[in-house]
Amino acid sequence: MTSPSLPEILDLYRQRGQAQYGGEAVSQLEHALQCATLAEQAGQNAELIVASLFHDLGHLVHHLGEDVAARGIDDRHEYRAIPILEQLFPPAVTTPIRLHVAAKRYLCAVDQGYWAALSPASQLSLELQGGIFSELAATAFIQQAHASAAVQLRRWDDLAKVAQLETPDLDHFVPMVQAVAGV
C-alpha cells in the first residue's frame, strides 16, 4: 500500500476533520486550523506553520475511535502520521510533530504553572503518554534537533481549543503546504 498523497491528506481533513478533538470543544479540523493560524500570526516559517496544521494527523489515521484517552488508551498519534508525512515533508515539519507530545512532558517539567493550565483532556492524555519528564529527560529532550520548534508548536496546540473561533479555512494553507512539500 502506498502512502497517501498530499491531496488525499487534505481530503482526510475535509472528510474526517469534523470529528471531535478529544474531550475539547472543537473539531479536529478546527484545532488544526487554529494551531496553524497561531503559528502564522506569530510570523513563523512555512515549515512550522505546516507542522502546526498537521501535528495531529495521527488522530485521523487511526481507527481507535474518538474517545481513546477516556478509555485509557494512548493512541501514539505523534508517531502514526510520521511515515506518511516524511514522504512529503522535511524534518523541519515532521520532527516537531513527532516531538510535540514529548514537548508537553518537557513543559510540565520546566514550567511550574504549565500542568495546571492544561485542559482536563490534556492532563488525562499526559498521564497516558508517560507523565512529566524527569529533570534528566527534560534536559535530553530540549537538546534534540527541532525540540524548540516542538515546544512552540505545543504552546499553540494548547491554545488552539477555542469554540467557534474564526480562522482561515484549509484552502488558505494549501499553497504553503504545497510549497513546503515541493509540489
Protein backbone atom coordinates (compact mmCIF):
# COMPACT_ATOMS: atom_id res chain seq x y z
CA MET A 1 0.00 0.00 0.00
CA THR A 2 1.35 3.44 -0.92
CA SER A 3 1.34 6.44 1.36
CA PRO A 4 -1.47 8.94 0.84
CA SER A 5 -0.70 11.83 -1.47
CA LEU A 6 -0.94 15.43 -0.36
CA PRO A 7 -4.42 15.83 -1.93
CA GLU A 8 -5.52 12.67 -0.08
CA ILE A 9 -4.22 14.05 3.23
CA LEU A 10 -6.09 17.30 2.68
CA ASP A 11 -9.22 15.31 1.79
CA LEU A 12 -8.82 13.36 5.02
CA TYR A 13 -9.13 16.64 6.93
CA ARG A 14 -12.15 17.59 4.85
CA GLN A 15 -13.82 14.20 5.39
CA ARG A 16 -12.83 13.23 8.94
CA GLY A 17 -11.89 16.63 10.35
CA GLN A 18 -15.34 17.21 11.82
CA ALA A 19 -14.65 14.54 14.44
CA GLN A 20 -14.38 15.92 17.95
CA TYR A 21 -10.87 16.75 19.09
CA GLY A 22 -10.62 14.53 22.18
CA GLY A 23 -12.61 15.99 25.04
CA GLU A 24 -12.27 19.54 23.71
CA ALA A 25 -14.91 21.95 22.39
CA VAL A 26 -13.50 21.93 18.84
CA SER A 27 -13.26 19.51 15.94
CA GLN A 28 -10.02 18.03 14.65
CA LEU A 29 -10.07 20.45 11.71
CA GLU A 30 -10.87 23.48 13.87
CA HIS A 31 -7.98 22.56 16.15
CA ALA A 32 -5.58 22.16 13.21
CA LEU A 33 -6.64 25.47 11.66
CA GLN A 34 -6.40 27.32 14.97
CA CYS A 35 -2.92 25.94 15.61
CA ALA A 36 -1.68 26.83 12.10
CA THR A 37 -3.25 30.28 12.36
CA LEU A 38 -1.46 30.93 15.65
CA ALA A 39 1.85 29.94 14.03
CA GLU A 40 1.14 32.15 11.04
CA GLN A 41 0.15 35.11 13.23
CA ALA A 42 3.42 34.66 15.15
CA GLY A 43 5.31 35.11 11.87
CA GLN A 44 6.78 31.62 11.91
CA ASN A 45 8.37 29.97 8.89
CA ALA A 46 6.30 27.89 6.49
CA GLU A 47 7.65 24.59 7.85
CA LEU A 48 6.46 25.30 11.39
CA ILE A 49 3.08 26.54 10.14
CA VAL A 50 2.65 23.30 8.16
CA ALA A 51 3.77 21.27 11.19
CA SER A 52 1.16 23.12 13.24
CA LEU A 53 -1.52 22.30 10.69
CA PHE A 54 -0.68 18.59 10.50
CA HIS A 55 0.56 17.93 14.06
CA ASP A 56 -2.48 15.81 14.96
CA LEU A 57 -2.94 13.99 11.65
CA GLY A 58 -2.24 10.80 13.61
CA HIS A 59 -5.66 11.14 15.23
CA LEU A 60 -7.27 10.97 11.79
CA VAL A 61 -5.38 7.95 10.51
CA HIS A 62 -6.12 5.53 13.33
CA HIS A 63 -9.40 3.75 13.78
CA LEU A 64 -9.48 3.57 17.57
CA GLY A 65 -12.46 5.90 17.95
CA GLU A 66 -12.81 9.45 19.18
CA ASP A 67 -12.60 8.83 22.93
CA VAL A 68 -9.41 6.79 23.20
CA ALA A 69 -7.90 8.71 26.12
CA ALA A 70 -11.14 8.39 28.08
CA ARG A 71 -10.81 4.63 27.57
CA GLY A 72 -7.25 4.68 28.94
CA ILE A 73 -5.52 4.31 25.57
CA ASP A 74 -2.56 6.34 24.32
CA ASP A 75 -3.13 6.41 20.57
CA ARG A 76 0.52 7.44 19.99
CA HIS A 77 -0.75 9.89 17.38
CA GLU A 78 2.54 11.76 17.29
CA TYR A 79 4.08 8.72 15.59
CA ARG A 80 1.20 7.41 13.47
CA ALA A 81 1.34 10.06 10.76
CA ILE A 82 5.13 10.36 10.51
CA PRO A 83 5.59 7.56 7.93
CA ILE A 84 3.06 9.38 5.75
CA LEU A 85 4.33 12.91 6.29
CA GLU A 86 8.04 12.15 5.97
CA GLN A 87 7.41 11.07 2.37
CA LEU A 88 6.25 14.63 1.63
CA PHE A 89 7.93 17.00 4.09
CA PRO A 90 11.38 17.77 5.51
CA PRO A 91 12.41 17.12 9.13
CA ALA A 92 11.63 20.77 9.97
CA VAL A 93 7.97 19.72 9.59
CA THR A 94 7.98 16.12 10.78
CA THR A 95 10.29 16.34 13.79
CA PRO A 96 8.25 18.98 15.69
CA ILE A 97 5.17 16.83 15.02
CA ARG A 98 6.91 13.71 16.34
CA LEU A 99 8.12 15.66 19.41
CA HIS A 100 5.01 17.66 20.28
CA VAL A 101 3.77 15.15 22.88
CA ALA A 102 7.22 14.95 24.46
CA ALA A 103 7.19 18.76 24.47
CA LYS A 104 4.14 18.66 26.76
CA ARG A 105 6.00 16.34 29.11
CA TYR A 106 9.00 18.71 28.93
CA LEU A 107 6.96 21.85 29.63
CA CYS A 108 5.40 20.22 32.68
CA ALA A 109 8.90 19.56 33.99
CA VAL A 110 10.31 23.06 33.42
CA ASP A 111 7.30 25.37 33.82
CA GLN A 112 5.58 25.11 37.21
CA GLY A 113 2.29 26.60 36.01
CA TYR A 114 2.08 24.64 32.78
CA TRP A 115 0.38 21.48 34.07
CA ALA A 116 -2.32 23.43 35.90
CA ALA A 117 -3.09 25.39 32.71
CA LEU A 118 -3.67 22.23 30.64
CA SER A 119 -7.24 21.32 29.81
CA PRO A 120 -8.61 18.28 31.69
CA ALA A 121 -8.44 16.22 28.47
CA SER A 122 -4.79 17.17 28.00
CA GLN A 123 -3.97 16.35 31.62
CA LEU A 124 -5.53 12.92 31.15
CA SER A 125 -3.64 12.23 27.93
CA LEU A 126 -0.38 13.38 29.59
CA GLU A 127 -0.64 10.57 32.11
CA LEU A 128 -1.24 8.05 29.31
CA GLN A 129 1.73 9.49 27.39
CA GLY A 130 4.20 8.83 30.19
CA GLY A 131 3.68 11.74 32.56
CA ILE A 132 6.02 14.58 33.41
CA PHE A 133 9.66 14.26 32.36
CA SER A 134 12.37 13.91 34.98
CA GLU A 135 15.00 16.65 35.02
CA LEU A 136 17.38 14.39 33.12
CA ALA A 137 14.77 13.51 30.48
CA ALA A 138 13.83 17.18 30.08
CA THR A 139 17.48 18.12 29.51
CA ALA A 140 17.91 15.36 26.93
CA PHE A 141 14.68 16.34 25.17
CA ILE A 142 15.47 20.02 24.67
CA GLN A 143 18.90 19.19 23.20
CA GLN A 144 17.33 17.38 20.22
CA ALA A 145 17.12 18.99 16.79
CA HIS A 146 13.81 20.86 16.36
CA ALA A 147 12.89 20.47 20.06
CA SER A 148 12.47 24.23 20.48
CA ALA A 149 10.10 24.27 17.50
CA ALA A 150 8.18 21.38 19.08
CA VAL A 151 7.84 23.38 22.31
CA GLN A 152 6.44 26.35 20.40
CA LEU A 153 4.09 24.04 18.49
CA ARG A 154 2.98 22.59 21.82
CA ARG A 155 2.12 26.04 23.15
CA TRP A 156 -0.08 26.74 20.12
CA ASP A 157 -1.55 23.25 20.43
CA ASP A 158 -2.67 24.11 23.95
CA LEU A 159 -4.25 27.39 22.84
CA ALA A 160 -5.99 26.00 19.75
CA LYS A 161 -9.13 24.79 21.51
CA VAL A 162 -11.45 27.80 21.32
CA ALA A 163 -15.03 27.01 20.28
CA GLN A 164 -16.34 28.99 17.31
CA LEU A 165 -13.05 30.85 16.74
CA GLU A 166 -12.82 32.35 13.25
CA THR A 167 -9.77 31.18 11.31
CA PRO A 168 -8.78 30.96 7.67
CA ASP A 169 -10.07 27.77 6.06
CA LEU A 170 -7.96 24.82 4.93
CA ASP A 171 -7.63 26.22 1.41
CA HIS A 172 -5.79 29.24 2.83
CA PHE A 173 -2.92 26.98 3.87
CA VAL A 174 -2.81 24.77 0.76
CA PRO A 175 -0.33 26.93 -1.25
CA MET A 176 2.05 26.97 1.72
CA VAL A 177 1.67 23.21 2.23
CA GLN A 178 2.37 22.62 -1.46
CA ALA A 179 5.43 24.88 -1.41
CA VAL A 180 6.92 23.13 1.63
CA ALA A 181 6.19 19.74 0.03
CA GLY A 182 7.78 20.91 -3.21
CA VAL A 183 4.71 20.16 -5.34
